[in-house]
Amino acid sequence: MKHRKLGEFDVSAIGLGCMSLSGAYGGALNESDAADLLRAAVDRGITFFDTAEVYGPFFNEVQVGKGLGSLRDKVTVATKFGFNISDPKNPVANGFDSRPEHIREVVDASLQRLGFDHIDLLYQHRPDPAVPIEDVAGAVGELIAAGKVRAFGLSESDAPTIRRAHVVTKVTALQSEYSLWTRDIEAEILPTLRELGIALVPFSPLGRGFLTGALSLDTIEKGDFRHKLARFQSDAAAHNQQLVENIKRIAAAKGVTAAQLALAWVLHQGEDIVPIPGTRKIERIEENIGAIDIELSVAELTETTDAVRAEDVVGGRYWS
């Protein structure tokens, strides 16, 4: 397994996004099955795992803690705060809450659910317009000083916000969606990260499964939130599938899968990038790991980049 630097952490070149374990993409795994998957990932060299209080909500951190507790010294685990989860059935309905007192409450609760004595990387899950980012960064800085957290991260923040936070408490990583069909961060955010020495952790590097070329909209489980996403609606999906066919063609010529090519493309965008594809299947973990050793020539990289141009993708990232 190749490794990359994520601030002070030495982590596997790809991590594992754990959101799907608790049911975002259909049914949840029970604690035992989730633990088996997580330990199998470690056995295969994965050392970086991503969770959040809102996943489940709350249950995902329990799954991760139970699965990785006995391997704590071998792994780097990230979690997140930032939502007002007053209704577990609709955990984001009540918006954001990054008040310093709430951050402290969330960290204590997350540590209890995980069963850890510290959180390696703590992200603000989404910017909170009601709370100055300086206050957020200051609160996390205090938690770092107290030994409850090792490093501070942001998620889906814009460049000015990243700069303001970084002045108060060093930002180790930014987590944002980044893939062949989502490249919004390239113009301003990615250059800002590199100027400041901040790593990028792309979530959904496989376009929530669409870029694998193996996803059938007819077989997406009931309750899977992709049913609501704009790019997965019938007309948009039919159009976007033609872009995926471009990826499949290039991948076939290379002797790899479409998923591996899409992940290899992300990895080739810089050594400061650690994608976190999610899955509930061992065979997909193994397939994803195979992307790490794929070498793309300049011509192959250019062809892959041009295969899915942002202006050709139909539908927004979420609902529109």
Protein backbone atom coordinates (compact mmCIF):
# COMPACT_ATOMS: atom_id res chain seq x y z
CA MET A 1 0.00 0.00 0.00
CA LYS A 2 1.33 3.41 -0.97
CA HIS A 3 0.98 6.19 1.57
CA ARG A 4 0.50 9.94 1.42
CA LYS A 5 0.96 12.74 3.92
CA LEU A 6 -2.13 14.36 5.34
CA GLY A 7 -0.70 17.02 7.61
CA GLU A 8 1.01 15.18 10.45
CA PHE A 9 -0.62 11.91 9.47
CA ASP A 10 0.87 9.23 7.25
CA VAL A 11 -2.14 7.54 5.65
CA SER A 12 -2.96 5.06 2.90
CA ALA A 13 -3.19 6.71 -0.52
CA ILE A 14 -6.93 6.14 -0.45
CA GLY A 15 -9.16 5.97 2.59
CA LEU A 16 -12.60 4.56 3.24
CA GLY A 17 -15.66 6.77 3.48
CA CYS A 18 -17.89 5.05 6.02
CA MET A 19 -21.21 6.86 5.49
CA SER A 20 -22.77 3.99 3.56
CA LEU A 21 -22.29 1.57 6.46
CA SER A 22 -25.16 3.19 8.33
CA GLY A 23 -27.63 3.30 5.49
CA ALA A 24 -27.28 6.39 3.27
CA TYR A 25 -27.17 4.18 0.19
CA GLY A 26 -29.84 1.74 1.24
CA GLY A 27 -29.92 -0.54 4.28
CA ALA A 28 -27.43 -0.28 7.12
CA LEU A 29 -24.96 -2.98 8.08
CA ASN A 30 -25.19 -4.34 11.59
CA GLU A 31 -22.26 -3.74 13.93
CA SER A 32 -20.75 -7.17 13.30
CA ASP A 33 -20.83 -6.95 9.52
CA ALA A 34 -19.57 -3.37 9.58
CA ALA A 35 -16.71 -4.42 11.86
CA ASP A 36 -15.79 -7.25 9.50
CA LEU A 37 -15.67 -4.83 6.56
CA LEU A 38 -13.59 -2.26 8.42
CA ARG A 39 -11.07 -4.83 9.63
CA ALA A 40 -10.84 -6.34 6.16
CA ALA A 41 -10.03 -2.86 4.85
CA VAL A 42 -7.20 -2.55 7.37
CA ASP A 43 -5.94 -6.02 6.44
CA ARG A 44 -5.68 -4.77 2.86
CA GLY A 45 -3.73 -1.66 3.83
CA ILE A 46 -6.39 1.02 4.34
CA THR A 47 -5.47 3.20 7.32
CA PHE A 48 -7.69 6.30 6.88
CA PHE A 49 -11.38 6.19 7.79
CA ASP A 50 -14.04 8.89 7.62
CA THR A 51 -17.21 9.12 9.71
CA ALA A 52 -19.49 11.83 11.17
CA GLU A 53 -22.07 12.25 13.90
CA VAL A 54 -24.75 12.97 11.30
CA TYR A 55 -24.25 9.61 9.56
CA GLY A 56 -27.01 7.41 10.87
CA PRO A 57 -27.23 9.75 12.70
CA PHE A 58 -24.81 8.72 15.44
CA PHE A 59 -24.78 4.99 14.57
CA ASN A 60 -21.92 5.32 12.09
CA GLU A 61 -19.49 6.43 14.77
CA VAL A 62 -20.52 3.41 16.87
CA GLN A 63 -19.89 1.11 13.91
CA VAL A 64 -16.48 2.64 13.26
CA GLY A 65 -15.49 2.54 16.91
CA LYS A 66 -16.50 -1.07 17.36
CA GLY A 67 -14.77 -2.10 14.14
CA LEU A 68 -11.52 -0.23 14.62
CA GLY A 69 -11.15 0.00 18.38
CA SER A 70 -8.76 -2.94 18.62
CA LEU A 71 -6.73 -1.46 15.73
CA ARG A 72 -6.67 2.11 17.03
CA ASP A 73 -2.89 2.50 16.84
CA LYS A 74 -2.90 1.47 13.15
CA VAL A 75 -5.54 3.85 11.82
CA THR A 76 -6.35 7.54 11.39
CA VAL A 77 -10.02 8.34 11.97
CA ALA A 78 -11.81 11.55 11.03
CA THR A 79 -15.23 12.66 12.20
CA LYS A 80 -17.31 15.83 11.88
CA PHE A 81 -19.52 18.31 13.72
CA GLY A 82 -21.73 21.10 12.48
CA PHE A 83 -25.42 20.14 12.31
CA ASN A 84 -28.30 20.71 14.69
CA ILE A 85 -29.46 17.11 14.93
CA SER A 86 -32.64 17.61 16.94
CA ASP A 87 -34.63 15.27 14.69
CA PRO A 88 -32.76 12.00 14.06
CA LYS A 89 -35.26 11.05 11.34
CA ASN A 90 -34.27 14.15 9.36
CA PRO A 91 -30.88 15.08 10.81
CA VAL A 92 -30.09 18.05 8.56
CA ALA A 93 -33.57 19.61 8.59
CA ASN A 94 -32.74 22.05 11.38
CA GLY A 95 -29.63 23.38 9.74
CA PHE A 96 -26.23 24.10 11.14
CA ASP A 97 -24.78 24.50 14.62
CA SER A 98 -21.11 25.32 14.97
CA ARG A 99 -21.34 27.29 18.17
CA PRO A 100 -18.22 26.61 20.27
CA GLU A 101 -20.26 25.14 23.12
CA HIS A 102 -21.95 22.77 20.69
CA ILE A 103 -18.63 21.73 19.16
CA ARG A 104 -17.40 20.75 22.62
CA GLU A 105 -20.58 18.78 23.28
CA VAL A 106 -20.32 16.96 19.96
CA VAL A 107 -16.67 16.02 20.50
CA ASP A 108 -17.41 14.53 23.92
CA ALA A 109 -20.34 12.57 22.48
CA SER A 110 -18.33 11.41 19.46
CA LEU A 111 -15.50 10.21 21.66
CA GLN A 112 -17.97 8.21 23.73
CA ARG A 113 -19.57 6.62 20.67
CA LEU A 114 -16.21 5.84 19.08
CA GLY A 115 -14.71 4.61 22.33
CA PHE A 116 -11.53 6.60 21.63
CA ASP A 117 -9.57 8.97 23.85
CA HIS A 118 -8.99 11.40 20.98
CA ILE A 119 -10.19 12.23 17.47
CA ASP A 120 -7.43 12.34 14.85
CA LEU A 121 -9.03 14.78 12.41
CA LEU A 122 -12.10 16.86 13.29
CA TYR A 123 -13.94 18.57 10.44
CA GLN A 124 -16.54 21.28 10.46
CA HIS A 125 -19.04 19.41 8.27
CA ARG A 126 -20.46 22.51 6.58
CA PRO A 127 -19.92 26.25 7.07
CA ASP A 128 -22.31 27.82 9.55
CA PRO A 129 -23.26 31.35 8.44
CA ALA A 130 -24.37 32.21 11.97
CA VAL A 131 -20.99 31.54 13.59
CA PRO A 132 -17.76 33.32 12.56
CA ILE A 133 -15.20 30.82 11.31
CA GLU A 134 -12.68 32.36 13.69
CA ASP A 135 -14.83 31.21 16.62
CA VAL A 136 -15.06 27.72 15.13
CA ALA A 137 -11.32 27.49 14.55
CA GLY A 138 -10.63 28.82 18.03
CA ALA A 139 -12.88 26.22 19.65
CA VAL A 140 -11.21 23.38 17.77
CA GLY A 141 -7.82 24.83 18.65
CA GLU A 142 -8.76 24.62 22.31
CA LEU A 143 -9.78 20.98 21.85
CA ILE A 144 -6.43 20.28 20.22
CA ALA A 145 -4.65 21.90 23.17
CA ALA A 146 -6.73 19.75 25.53
CA GLY A 147 -5.67 16.56 23.73
CA LYS A 148 -9.17 15.60 22.59
CA VAL A 149 -8.43 16.35 18.93
CA ARG A 150 -5.20 16.15 16.95
CA ALA A 151 -6.00 18.17 13.83
CA PHE A 152 -8.58 20.55 12.36
CA GLY A 153 -10.32 20.18 9.03
CA LEU A 154 -13.01 21.94 7.01
CA SER A 155 -15.56 20.54 4.59
CA GLU A 156 -17.06 22.31 1.57
CA SER A 157 -15.64 25.68 2.61
CA ASP A 158 -14.74 28.44 0.18
CA ALA A 159 -11.26 29.90 -0.22
CA PRO A 160 -11.74 33.04 1.94
CA THR A 161 -13.17 30.94 4.78
CA ILE A 162 -10.24 28.52 4.59
CA ARG A 163 -7.80 31.41 4.84
CA ARG A 164 -9.57 32.97 7.83
CA ALA A 165 -9.72 29.67 9.69
CA HIS A 166 -6.09 28.84 8.96
CA VAL A 167 -4.94 32.08 10.62
CA VAL A 168 -6.53 31.00 13.92
CA THR A 169 -5.89 27.24 13.92
CA LYS A 170 -3.90 25.34 11.31
CA VAL A 171 -6.20 23.62 8.85
CA THR A 172 -4.84 20.17 8.03
CA ALA A 173 -7.33 19.09 5.37
CA LEU A 174 -10.31 20.21 3.35
CA GLN A 175 -12.92 17.63 2.47
CA SER A 176 -14.91 18.46 -0.65
CA GLU A 177 -16.56 16.61 -3.49
CA TYR A 178 -14.07 16.13 -6.32
CA SER A 179 -14.17 13.73 -9.24
CA LEU A 180 -14.19 13.61 -13.00
CA TRP A 181 -17.71 15.04 -13.04
CA THR A 182 -17.35 17.54 -10.14
CA ARG A 183 -14.41 19.93 -10.52
CA ASP A 184 -15.68 23.16 -8.99
CA ILE A 185 -12.73 23.42 -6.61
CA GLU A 186 -10.07 23.57 -9.32
CA ALA A 187 -10.30 27.29 -10.07
CA GLU A 188 -9.79 28.85 -6.65
CA ILE A 189 -9.97 26.37 -3.79
CA LEU A 190 -7.33 23.86 -4.87
CA PRO A 191 -4.70 26.60 -5.50
CA THR A 192 -5.51 28.05 -2.07
CA LEU A 193 -4.97 24.69 -0.41
CA ARG A 194 -1.61 24.29 -2.09
CA GLU A 195 -0.52 27.79 -1.15
CA LEU A 196 -1.31 27.07 2.51
CA GLY A 197 -0.09 23.46 2.60
CA ILE A 198 -3.52 21.94 3.22
CA ALA A 199 -4.38 18.46 1.95
CA LEU A 200 -7.51 17.67 -0.05
CA VAL A 201 -9.75 14.75 0.90
CA PRO A 202 -12.22 14.20 -1.97
CA PHE A 203 -15.50 12.57 -1.08
CA SER A 204 -17.58 10.86 -3.77
CA PRO A 205 -14.55 10.47 -6.06
CA LEU A 206 -16.61 7.93 -8.04
CA GLY A 207 -19.59 10.24 -8.46
CA ARG A 208 -21.63 8.36 -5.84
CA GLY A 209 -21.07 5.21 -7.86
CA PHE A 210 -22.20 6.58 -11.22
CA LEU A 211 -18.68 6.80 -12.65
CA THR A 212 -18.05 3.11 -12.05
CA GLY A 213 -20.16 2.26 -15.07
CA ALA A 214 -21.64 -0.61 -13.07
CA LEU A 215 -24.55 1.25 -11.47
CA SER A 216 -28.08 0.51 -12.65
CA LEU A 217 -30.65 3.07 -11.56
CA ASP A 218 -33.26 0.32 -11.56
CA THR A 219 -31.40 -1.58 -8.88
CA ILE A 220 -30.67 1.27 -6.46
CA GLU A 221 -32.22 0.24 -3.16
CA LYS A 222 -35.36 1.83 -1.80
CA GLY A 223 -34.39 4.57 0.65
CA ASP A 224 -31.11 5.30 -1.16
CA PHE A 225 -30.80 9.08 -1.26
CA ARG A 226 -29.47 9.00 -4.81
CA HIS A 227 -33.08 8.65 -5.95
CA LYS A 228 -33.47 12.33 -5.08
CA LEU A 229 -30.30 13.64 -6.72
CA ALA A 230 -30.54 15.66 -9.92
CA ARG A 231 -27.86 13.78 -11.83
CA PHE A 232 -29.63 10.49 -11.15
CA GLN A 233 -33.02 11.50 -12.53
CA SER A 234 -34.01 9.57 -15.62
CA ASP A 235 -33.32 12.12 -18.39
CA ALA A 236 -30.15 13.43 -16.73
CA ALA A 237 -28.91 9.93 -16.00
CA ALA A 238 -29.43 8.84 -19.59
CA HIS A 239 -27.36 11.78 -20.80
CA ASN A 240 -24.66 11.34 -18.16
CA GLN A 241 -24.39 7.65 -18.94
CA GLN A 242 -22.96 8.59 -22.32
CA LEU A 243 -20.11 10.35 -20.51
CA VAL A 244 -19.51 7.23 -18.45
CA GLU A 245 -19.29 5.24 -21.66
CA ASN A 246 -16.27 7.43 -22.55
CA ILE A 247 -14.62 6.42 -19.28
CA LYS A 248 -15.41 2.75 -19.84
CA ARG A 249 -13.87 2.89 -23.32
CA ILE A 250 -10.62 4.44 -22.07
CA ALA A 251 -10.51 2.04 -19.12
CA ALA A 252 -11.00 -1.00 -21.35
CA ALA A 253 -8.11 0.08 -23.56
CA LYS A 254 -5.98 0.41 -20.42
CA GLY A 255 -7.06 -2.97 -19.07
CA VAL A 256 -8.63 -1.53 -15.91
CA THR A 257 -12.18 -0.90 -14.69
CA ALA A 258 -13.98 2.40 -15.11
CA ALA A 259 -13.93 2.84 -11.32
CA GLN A 260 -10.18 2.32 -11.21
CA LEU A 261 -9.61 4.81 -14.01
CA ALA A 262 -11.81 7.43 -12.32
CA LEU A 263 -9.96 6.97 -9.02
CA ALA A 264 -6.55 6.95 -10.71
CA TRP A 265 -7.45 10.26 -12.35
CA VAL A 266 -8.18 11.79 -8.93
CA LEU A 267 -4.94 10.41 -7.49
CA HIS A 268 -2.98 11.87 -10.41
CA GLN A 269 -4.16 15.38 -9.57
CA GLY A 270 -1.55 15.63 -6.80
CA GLU A 271 0.27 13.83 -4.01
CA ASP A 272 -1.61 16.04 -1.54
CA ILE A 273 -4.92 14.37 -2.41
CA VAL A 274 -6.35 11.40 -0.46
CA PRO A 275 -9.74 10.29 -1.84
CA ILE A 276 -12.20 8.39 0.37
CA PRO A 277 -14.46 6.22 -1.82
CA GLY A 278 -17.16 4.49 0.17
CA THR A 279 -18.48 0.96 -0.16
CA ARG A 280 -20.06 -1.88 1.79
CA LYS A 281 -18.31 -4.62 -0.20
CA ILE A 282 -14.83 -6.10 0.19
CA GLU A 283 -14.47 -6.65 -3.54
CA ARG A 284 -15.04 -2.94 -4.19
CA ILE A 285 -12.36 -2.06 -1.61
CA GLU A 286 -9.96 -4.35 -3.43
CA GLU A 287 -10.91 -2.84 -6.78
CA ASN A 288 -10.38 0.68 -5.44
CA ILE A 289 -6.99 -0.22 -4.00
CA GLY A 290 -5.98 -1.40 -7.47
CA ALA A 291 -6.31 2.17 -8.73
CA ILE A 292 -3.32 3.26 -6.63
CA ASP A 293 -0.80 1.50 -8.85
CA ILE A 294 -2.26 2.65 -12.17
CA GLU A 295 0.08 4.96 -14.07
CA LEU A 296 -1.49 7.34 -16.56
CA SER A 297 0.62 8.86 -19.31
CA VAL A 298 0.17 12.52 -20.17
CA ALA A 299 -1.91 11.50 -23.17
CA GLU A 300 -4.08 9.12 -21.12
CA LEU A 301 -4.57 11.72 -18.41
CA THR A 302 -5.60 14.32 -20.97
CA GLU A 303 -7.97 11.92 -22.70
CA THR A 304 -9.58 11.00 -19.38
CA THR A 305 -9.87 14.63 -18.32
CA ASP A 306 -11.60 15.49 -21.58
CA ALA A 307 -13.92 12.48 -21.42
CA VAL A 308 -16.19 14.09 -18.83
CA ARG A 309 -16.20 17.85 -19.17
CA ALA A 310 -18.01 19.73 -16.42
CA GLU A 311 -20.16 21.61 -18.91
CA ASP A 312 -21.40 18.33 -20.37
CA VAL A 313 -22.73 16.96 -17.06
CA VAL A 314 -26.49 17.36 -16.65
CA GLY A 315 -27.82 18.11 -13.17
CA GLY A 316 -26.45 19.75 -10.06
CA ARG A 317 -24.56 17.93 -7.33
CA TYR A 318 -27.59 17.59 -5.10
CA TRP A 319 -31.21 18.50 -5.80
CA SER A 320 -30.97 20.76 -8.82
